[in-house]
Amino acid sequence: MKSITLTVEDELLEQVKLAAAEQRTTINDMVRGFLATVAEKRRAKDGARQALLQLARETAGDIGQTKWNRGSLHDR
């Protein structure tokens, strides 16, 4: 496990200390949880992107004989 150093304003640190105490946790655990959430969201987006690209590769994209026009698309 790696250690990191953060620089934050004094008032921000005091507010976060209070929040951590209220939640019965540590600032370290709060930061670790935030970073884990950021990483998970990135993995999820990457997975969704890969699934979409795979679907695009596997799909023929044939829409048949349907003819689209602006009026019918907008119920005019």
PDB file of N, CA and C in Angstrom:
ATOM      1  N   MET A   1       0.856  -1.168   0.000  1.00  0.00           N
ATOM      2  CA  MET A   1       0.000   0.000   0.000  1.00  0.00           C
ATOM      3  C   MET A   1       0.908   1.239   0.000  1.00  0.00           C
ATOM      4  N   LYS A   2       0.521   2.231  -0.801  1.00  0.00           N
ATOM      5  CA  LYS A   2       1.288   3.472  -0.918  1.00  0.00           C
ATOM      6  C   LYS A   2       0.702   4.546  -0.012  1.00  0.00           C
ATOM      7  N   SER A   3       1.550   5.471   0.400  1.00  0.00           N
ATOM      8  CA  SER A   3       1.110   6.645   1.160  1.00  0.00           C
ATOM      9  C   SER A   3       1.149   7.855   0.251  1.00  0.00           C
ATOM     10  N   ILE A   4       0.217   8.795   0.482  1.00  0.00           N
ATOM     11  CA  ILE A   4       0.219  10.043  -0.265  1.00  0.00           C
ATOM     12  C   ILE A   4       0.164  11.195   0.731  1.00  0.00           C
ATOM     13  N   THR A   5       0.549  12.359   0.284  1.00  0.00           N
ATOM     14  CA  THR A   5       0.499  13.561   1.105  1.00  0.00           C
ATOM     15  C   THR A   5      -0.453  14.540   0.445  1.00  0.00           C
ATOM     16  N   LEU A   6      -1.362  15.098   1.228  1.00  0.00           N
ATOM     17  CA  LEU A   6      -2.315  16.085   0.727  1.00  0.00           C
ATOM     18  C   LEU A   6      -2.083  17.401   1.440  1.00  0.00           C
ATOM     19  N   THR A   7      -2.307  18.479   0.721  1.00  0.00           N
ATOM     20  CA  THR A   7      -2.265  19.804   1.312  1.00  0.00           C
ATOM     21  C   THR A   7      -3.653  20.400   1.196  1.00  0.00           C
ATOM     22  N   VAL A   8      -4.234  20.775   2.342  1.00  0.00           N
ATOM     23  CA  VAL A   8      -5.567  21.363   2.361  1.00  0.00           C
ATOM     24  C   VAL A   8      -5.565  22.572   3.290  1.00  0.00           C
ATOM     25  N   GLU A   9      -6.546  23.446   3.078  1.00  0.00           N
ATOM     26  CA  GLU A   9      -6.666  24.622   3.929  1.00  0.00           C
ATOM     27  C   GLU A   9      -7.018  24.193   5.346  1.00  0.00           C
ATOM     28  N   ASP A  10      -6.582  24.980   6.325  1.00  0.00           N
ATOM     29  CA  ASP A  10      -6.817  24.660   7.735  1.00  0.00           C
ATOM     30  C   ASP A  10      -8.300  24.491   8.043  1.00  0.00           C
ATOM     31  N   GLU A  11      -9.137  25.408   7.577  1.00  0.00           N
ATOM     32  CA  GLU A  11     -10.568  25.333   7.872  1.00  0.00           C
ATOM     33  C   GLU A  11     -11.191  24.079   7.273  1.00  0.00           C
ATOM     34  N   LEU A  12     -10.793  23.739   6.056  1.00  0.00           N
ATOM     35  CA  LEU A  12     -11.306  22.527   5.427  1.00  0.00           C
ATOM     36  C   LEU A  12     -10.935  21.309   6.260  1.00  0.00           C
ATOM     37  N   LEU A  13      -9.705  21.240   6.704  1.00  0.00           N
ATOM     38  CA  LEU A  13      -9.259  20.111   7.511  1.00  0.00           C
ATOM     39  C   LEU A  13     -10.068  20.008   8.798  1.00  0.00           C
ATOM     40  N   GLU A  14     -10.325  21.112   9.442  1.00  0.00           N
ATOM     41  CA  GLU A  14     -11.117  21.097  10.672  1.00  0.00           C
ATOM     42  C   GLU A  14     -12.530  20.579  10.420  1.00  0.00           C
ATOM     43  N   GLN A  15     -13.136  21.022   9.327  1.00  0.00           N
ATOM     44  CA  GLN A  15     -14.482  20.561   8.989  1.00  0.00           C
ATOM     45  C   GLN A  15     -14.498  19.059   8.701  1.00  0.00           C
ATOM     46  N   VAL A  16     -13.476  18.585   8.016  1.00  0.00           N
ATOM     47  CA  VAL A  16     -13.401  17.161   7.681  1.00  0.00           C
ATOM     48  C   VAL A  16     -13.131  16.331   8.934  1.00  0.00           C
ATOM     49  N   LYS A  17     -12.320  16.843   9.843  1.00  0.00           N
ATOM     50  CA  LYS A  17     -12.100  16.136  11.110  1.00  0.00           C
ATOM     51  C   LYS A  17     -13.410  15.959  11.865  1.00  0.00           C
ATOM     52  N   LEU A  18     -14.217  17.016  11.903  1.00  0.00           N
ATOM     53  CA  LEU A  18     -15.514  16.936  12.570  1.00  0.00           C
ATOM     54  C   LEU A  18     -16.422  15.917  11.882  1.00  0.00           C
ATOM     55  N   ALA A  19     -16.449  15.949  10.553  1.00  0.00           N
ATOM     56  CA  ALA A  19     -17.279  15.003   9.802  1.00  0.00           C
ATOM     57  C   ALA A  19     -16.825  13.566  10.057  1.00  0.00           C
ATOM     58  N   ALA A  20     -15.529  13.341  10.070  1.00  0.00           N
ATOM     59  CA  ALA A  20     -15.002  11.996  10.322  1.00  0.00           C
ATOM     60  C   ALA A  20     -15.385  11.529  11.726  1.00  0.00           C
ATOM     61  N   ALA A  21     -15.268  12.403  12.694  1.00  0.00           N
ATOM     62  CA  ALA A  21     -15.623  12.044  14.062  1.00  0.00           C
ATOM     63  C   ALA A  21     -17.113  11.705  14.162  1.00  0.00           C
ATOM     64  N   GLU A  22     -17.948  12.497  13.515  1.00  0.00           N
ATOM     65  CA  GLU A  22     -19.386  12.234  13.529  1.00  0.00           C
ATOM     66  C   GLU A  22     -19.724  10.882  12.909  1.00  0.00           C
ATOM     67  N   GLN A  23     -18.957  10.494  11.897  1.00  0.00           N
ATOM     68  CA  GLN A  23     -19.196   9.228  11.201  1.00  0.00           C
ATOM     69  C   GLN A  23     -18.407   8.069  11.817  1.00  0.00           C
ATOM     70  N   ARG A  24     -17.689   8.371  12.891  1.00  0.00           N
ATOM     71  CA  ARG A  24     -16.857   7.377  13.583  1.00  0.00           C
ATOM     72  C   ARG A  24     -15.899   6.681  12.628  1.00  0.00           C
ATOM     73  N   THR A  25     -15.203   7.490  11.854  1.00  0.00           N
ATOM     74  CA  THR A  25     -14.216   6.974  10.914  1.00  0.00           C
ATOM     75  C   THR A  25     -13.016   7.913  10.952  1.00  0.00           C
ATOM     76  N   THR A  26     -12.087   7.707  10.053  1.00  0.00           N
ATOM     77  CA  THR A  26     -10.902   8.566   9.971  1.00  0.00           C
ATOM     78  C   THR A  26     -10.903   9.303   8.635  1.00  0.00           C
ATOM     79  N   ILE A  27     -10.145  10.379   8.611  1.00  0.00           N
ATOM     80  CA  ILE A  27      -9.979  11.104   7.347  1.00  0.00           C
ATOM     81  C   ILE A  27      -9.342  10.177   6.321  1.00  0.00           C
ATOM     82  N   ASN A  28      -8.401   9.380   6.749  1.00  0.00           N
ATOM     83  CA  ASN A  28      -7.736   8.441   5.858  1.00  0.00           C
ATOM     84  C   ASN A  28      -8.747   7.491   5.210  1.00  0.00           C
ATOM     85  N   ASP A  29      -9.651   6.944   6.020  1.00  0.00           N
ATOM     86  CA  ASP A  29     -10.671   6.040   5.463  1.00  0.00           C
ATOM     87  C   ASP A  29     -11.626   6.775   4.531  1.00  0.00           C
ATOM     88  N   MET A  30     -11.949   8.034   4.867  1.00  0.00           N
ATOM     89  CA  MET A  30     -12.828   8.813   3.998  1.00  0.00           C
ATOM     90  C   MET A  30     -12.173   9.064   2.641  1.00  0.00           C
ATOM     91  N   VAL A  31     -10.903   9.434   2.658  1.00  0.00           N
ATOM     92  CA  VAL A  31     -10.175   9.694   1.404  1.00  0.00           C
ATOM     93  C   VAL A  31     -10.031   8.400   0.616  1.00  0.00           C
ATOM     94  N   ARG A  32      -9.691   7.316   1.310  1.00  0.00           N
ATOM     95  CA  ARG A  32      -9.549   6.024   0.630  1.00  0.00           C
ATOM     96  C   ARG A  32     -10.875   5.620  -0.026  1.00  0.00           C
ATOM     97  N   GLY A  33     -11.985   5.832   0.674  1.00  0.00           N
ATOM     98  CA  GLY A  33     -13.292   5.515   0.111  1.00  0.00           C
ATOM     99  C   GLY A  33     -13.617   6.368  -1.105  1.00  0.00           C
ATOM    100  N   PHE A  34     -13.291   7.664  -1.025  1.00  0.00           N
ATOM    101  CA  PHE A  34     -13.526   8.549  -2.165  1.00  0.00           C
ATOM    102  C   PHE A  34     -12.713   8.094  -3.375  1.00  0.00           C
ATOM    103  N   LEU A  35     -11.439   7.798  -3.156  1.00  0.00           N
ATOM    104  CA  LEU A  35     -10.582   7.366  -4.261  1.00  0.00           C
ATOM    105  C   LEU A  35     -11.061   6.047  -4.855  1.00  0.00           C
ATOM    106  N   ALA A  36     -11.542   5.140  -4.015  1.00  0.00           N
ATOM    107  CA  ALA A  36     -12.080   3.870  -4.507  1.00  0.00           C
ATOM    108  C   ALA A  36     -13.313   4.113  -5.371  1.00  0.00           C
ATOM    109  N   THR A  37     -14.154   5.069  -4.968  1.00  0.00           N
ATOM    110  CA  THR A  37     -15.351   5.401  -5.750  1.00  0.00           C
ATOM    111  C   THR A  37     -14.970   5.965  -7.118  1.00  0.00           C
ATOM    112  N   VAL A  38     -13.984   6.854  -7.141  1.00  0.00           N
ATOM    113  CA  VAL A  38     -13.513   7.427  -8.413  1.00  0.00           C
ATOM    114  C   VAL A  38     -12.994   6.319  -9.331  1.00  0.00           C
ATOM    115  N   ALA A  39     -12.198   5.421  -8.779  1.00  0.00           N
ATOM    116  CA  ALA A  39     -11.639   4.328  -9.584  1.00  0.00           C
ATOM    117  C   ALA A  39     -12.735   3.404 -10.093  1.00  0.00           C
ATOM    118  N   GLU A  40     -13.723   3.095  -9.250  1.00  0.00           N
ATOM    119  CA  GLU A  40     -14.817   2.207  -9.662  1.00  0.00           C
ATOM    120  C   GLU A  40     -15.652   2.827 -10.779  1.00  0.00           C
ATOM    121  N   LYS A  41     -15.930   4.121 -10.671  1.00  0.00           N
ATOM    122  CA  LYS A  41     -16.684   4.796 -11.735  1.00  0.00           C
ATOM    123  C   LYS A  41     -15.918   4.753 -13.045  1.00  0.00           C
ATOM    124  N   ARG A  42     -14.609   4.920 -12.969  1.00  0.00           N
ATOM    125  CA  ARG A  42     -13.801   4.863 -14.193  1.00  0.00           C
ATOM    126  C   ARG A  42     -13.832   3.457 -14.797  1.00  0.00           C
ATOM    127  N   ARG A  43     -13.710   2.442 -13.938  1.00  0.00           N
ATOM    128  CA  ARG A  43     -13.777   1.056 -14.442  1.00  0.00           C
ATOM    129  C   ARG A  43     -15.132   0.772 -15.069  1.00  0.00           C
ATOM    130  N   ALA A  44     -16.192   1.260 -14.437  1.00  0.00           N
ATOM    131  CA  ALA A  44     -17.535   1.035 -14.969  1.00  0.00           C
ATOM    132  C   ALA A  44     -17.699   1.706 -16.325  1.00  0.00           C
ATOM    133  N   LYS A  45     -17.218   2.951 -16.451  1.00  0.00           N
ATOM    134  CA  LYS A  45     -17.310   3.641 -17.742  1.00  0.00           C
ATOM    135  C   LYS A  45     -16.494   2.916 -18.799  1.00  0.00           C
ATOM    136  N   ASP A  46     -15.292   2.469 -18.437  1.00  0.00           N
ATOM    137  CA  ASP A  46     -14.458   1.745 -19.395  1.00  0.00           C
ATOM    138  C   ASP A  46     -15.138   0.442 -19.827  1.00  0.00           C
ATOM    139  N   GLY A  47     -15.762  -0.251 -18.874  1.00  0.00           N
ATOM    140  CA  GLY A  47     -16.459  -1.488 -19.201  1.00  0.00           C
ATOM    141  C   GLY A  47     -17.639  -1.241 -20.127  1.00  0.00           C
ATOM    142  N   ALA A  48     -18.404  -0.189 -19.840  1.00  0.00           N
ATOM    143  CA  ALA A  48     -19.546   0.150 -20.689  1.00  0.00           C
ATOM    144  C   ALA A  48     -19.082   0.544 -22.088  1.00  0.00           C
ATOM    145  N   ARG A  49     -17.998   1.300 -22.161  1.00  0.00           N
ATOM    146  CA  ARG A  49     -17.458   1.709 -23.457  1.00  0.00           C
ATOM    147  C   ARG A  49     -17.023   0.484 -24.266  1.00  0.00           C
ATOM    148  N   GLN A  50     -16.348  -0.463 -23.603  1.00  0.00           N
ATOM    149  CA  GLN A  50     -15.896  -1.667 -24.292  1.00  0.00           C
ATOM    150  C   GLN A  50     -17.088  -2.512 -24.760  1.00  0.00           C
ATOM    151  N   ALA A  51     -18.123  -2.604 -23.924  1.00  0.00           N
ATOM    152  CA  ALA A  51     -19.317  -3.358 -24.310  1.00  0.00           C
ATOM    153  C   ALA A  51     -20.000  -2.716 -25.514  1.00  0.00           C
ATOM    154  N   LEU A  52     -20.069  -1.399 -25.535  1.00  0.00           N
ATOM    155  CA  LEU A  52     -20.684  -0.695 -26.662  1.00  0.00           C
ATOM    156  C   LEU A  52     -19.873  -0.890 -27.936  1.00  0.00           C
ATOM    157  N   LEU A  53     -18.567  -0.808 -27.834  1.00  0.00           N
ATOM    158  CA  LEU A  53     -17.723  -1.024 -29.005  1.00  0.00           C
ATOM    159  C   LEU A  53     -17.860  -2.462 -29.522  1.00  0.00           C
ATOM    160  N   GLN A  54     -17.932  -3.426 -28.591  1.00  0.00           N
ATOM    161  CA  GLN A  54     -18.108  -4.820 -28.992  1.00  0.00           C
ATOM    162  C   GLN A  54     -19.447  -5.003 -29.695  1.00  0.00           C
ATOM    163  N   LEU A  55     -20.499  -4.406 -29.165  1.00  0.00           N
ATOM    164  CA  LEU A  55     -21.814  -4.483 -29.784  1.00  0.00           C
ATOM    165  C   LEU A  55     -21.795  -3.866 -31.177  1.00  0.00           C
ATOM    166  N   ALA A  56     -21.113  -2.744 -31.329  1.00  0.00           N
ATOM    167  CA  ALA A  56     -21.018  -2.096 -32.636  1.00  0.00           C
ATOM    168  C   ALA A  56     -20.286  -2.991 -33.641  1.00  0.00           C
ATOM    169  N   ARG A  57     -19.259  -3.700 -33.169  1.00  0.00           N
ATOM    170  CA  ARG A  57     -18.516  -4.598 -34.063  1.00  0.00           C
ATOM    171  C   ARG A  57     -19.367  -5.797 -34.477  1.00  0.00           C
ATOM    172  N   GLU A  58     -20.222  -6.276 -33.562  1.00  0.00           N
ATOM    173  CA  GLU A  58     -20.993  -7.490 -33.824  1.00  0.00           C
ATOM    174  C   GLU A  58     -22.316  -7.234 -34.531  1.00  0.00           C
ATOM    175  N   THR A  59     -22.778  -6.005 -34.566  1.00  0.00           N
ATOM    176  CA  THR A  59     -24.087  -5.689 -35.124  1.00  0.00           C
ATOM    177  C   THR A  59     -23.958  -5.272 -36.579  1.00  0.00           C
ATOM    178  N   ALA A  60     -24.849  -5.804 -37.394  1.00  0.00           N
ATOM    179  CA  ALA A  60     -24.804  -5.480 -38.821  1.00  0.00           C
ATOM    180  C   ALA A  60     -25.277  -4.058 -39.089  1.00  0.00           C
ATOM    181  N   GLY A  61     -26.144  -3.551 -38.244  1.00  0.00           N
ATOM    182  CA  GLY A  61     -26.640  -2.183 -38.426  1.00  0.00           C
ATOM    183  C   GLY A  61     -27.689  -2.059 -39.516  1.00  0.00           C
ATOM    184  N   ASP A  62     -28.343  -3.142 -39.869  1.00  0.00           N
ATOM    185  CA  ASP A  62     -29.366  -3.136 -40.913  1.00  0.00           C
ATOM    186  C   ASP A  62     -30.689  -2.662 -40.335  1.00  0.00           C
ATOM    187  N   ILE A  63     -31.241  -1.563 -40.865  1.00  0.00           N
ATOM    188  CA  ILE A  63     -32.522  -1.048 -40.383  1.00  0.00           C
ATOM    189  C   ILE A  63     -33.657  -1.413 -41.336  1.00  0.00           C
ATOM    190  N   GLY A  64     -33.374  -2.237 -42.309  1.00  0.00           N
ATOM    191  CA  GLY A  64     -34.408  -2.700 -43.228  1.00  0.00           C
ATOM    192  C   GLY A  64     -34.762  -1.657 -44.269  1.00  0.00           C
ATOM    193  N   GLN A  65     -36.011  -1.717 -44.749  1.00  0.00           N
ATOM    194  CA  GLN A  65     -36.462  -0.853 -45.827  1.00  0.00           C
ATOM    195  C   GLN A  65     -37.137   0.426 -45.327  1.00  0.00           C
ATOM    196  N   THR A  66     -37.123   0.669 -44.037  1.00  0.00           N
ATOM    197  CA  THR A  66     -37.793   1.843 -43.483  1.00  0.00           C
ATOM    198  C   THR A  66     -37.174   3.121 -44.039  1.00  0.00           C
ATOM    199  N   LYS A  67     -38.041   4.028 -44.462  1.00  0.00           N
ATOM    200  CA  LYS A  67     -37.593   5.333 -44.947  1.00  0.00           C
ATOM    201  C   LYS A  67     -37.986   6.378 -43.906  1.00  0.00           C
ATOM    202  N   TRP A  68     -37.045   7.090 -43.407  1.00  0.00           N
ATOM    203  CA  TRP A  68     -37.290   8.090 -42.370  1.00  0.00           C
ATOM    204  C   TRP A  68     -37.399   9.466 -43.004  1.00  0.00           C
ATOM    205  N   ASN A  69     -38.316  10.274 -42.491  1.00  0.00           N
ATOM    206  CA  ASN A  69     -38.343  11.672 -42.899  1.00  0.00           C
ATOM    207  C   ASN A  69     -38.664  12.517 -41.663  1.00  0.00           C
ATOM    208  N   ARG A  70     -38.330  13.756 -41.736  1.00  0.00           N
ATOM    209  CA  ARG A  70     -38.450  14.659 -40.605  1.00  0.00           C
ATOM    210  C   ARG A  70     -39.879  14.740 -40.075  1.00  0.00           C
ATOM    211  N   GLY A  71     -40.843  14.832 -40.958  1.00  0.00           N
ATOM    212  CA  GLY A  71     -42.243  14.964 -40.557  1.00  0.00           C
ATOM    213  C   GLY A  71     -42.726  13.762 -39.748  1.00  0.00           C
ATOM    214  N   SER A  72     -42.416  12.561 -40.212  1.00  0.00           N
ATOM    215  CA  SER A  72     -42.904  11.378 -39.500  1.00  0.00           C
ATOM    216  C   SER A  72     -42.166  11.185 -38.179  1.00  0.00           C
ATOM    217  N   LEU A  73     -40.945  11.598 -38.108  1.00  0.00           N
ATOM    218  CA  LEU A  73     -40.185  11.478 -36.866  1.00  0.00           C
ATOM    219  C   LEU A  73     -40.709  12.416 -35.793  1.00  0.00           C
ATOM    220  N   HIS A  74     -41.263  13.547 -36.203  1.00  0.00           N
ATOM    221  CA  HIS A  74     -41.725  14.554 -35.251  1.00  0.00           C
ATOM    222  C   HIS A  74     -43.254  14.674 -35.234  1.00  0.00           C
ATOM    223  N   ASP A  75     -43.941  13.651 -35.746  1.00  0.00           N
ATOM    224  CA  ASP A  75     -45.418  13.630 -35.758  1.00  0.00           C
ATOM    225  C   ASP A  75     -46.011  14.899 -36.345  1.00  0.00           C
ATOM    226  N   ARG A  76     -45.539  15.289 -37.475  1.00  0.00           N
ATOM    227  CA  ARG A  76     -46.069  16.515 -38.129  1.00  0.00           C
ATOM    228  C   ARG A  76     -47.004  16.148 -39.234  1.00  0.00           C
TER     229      ARG A  76
END
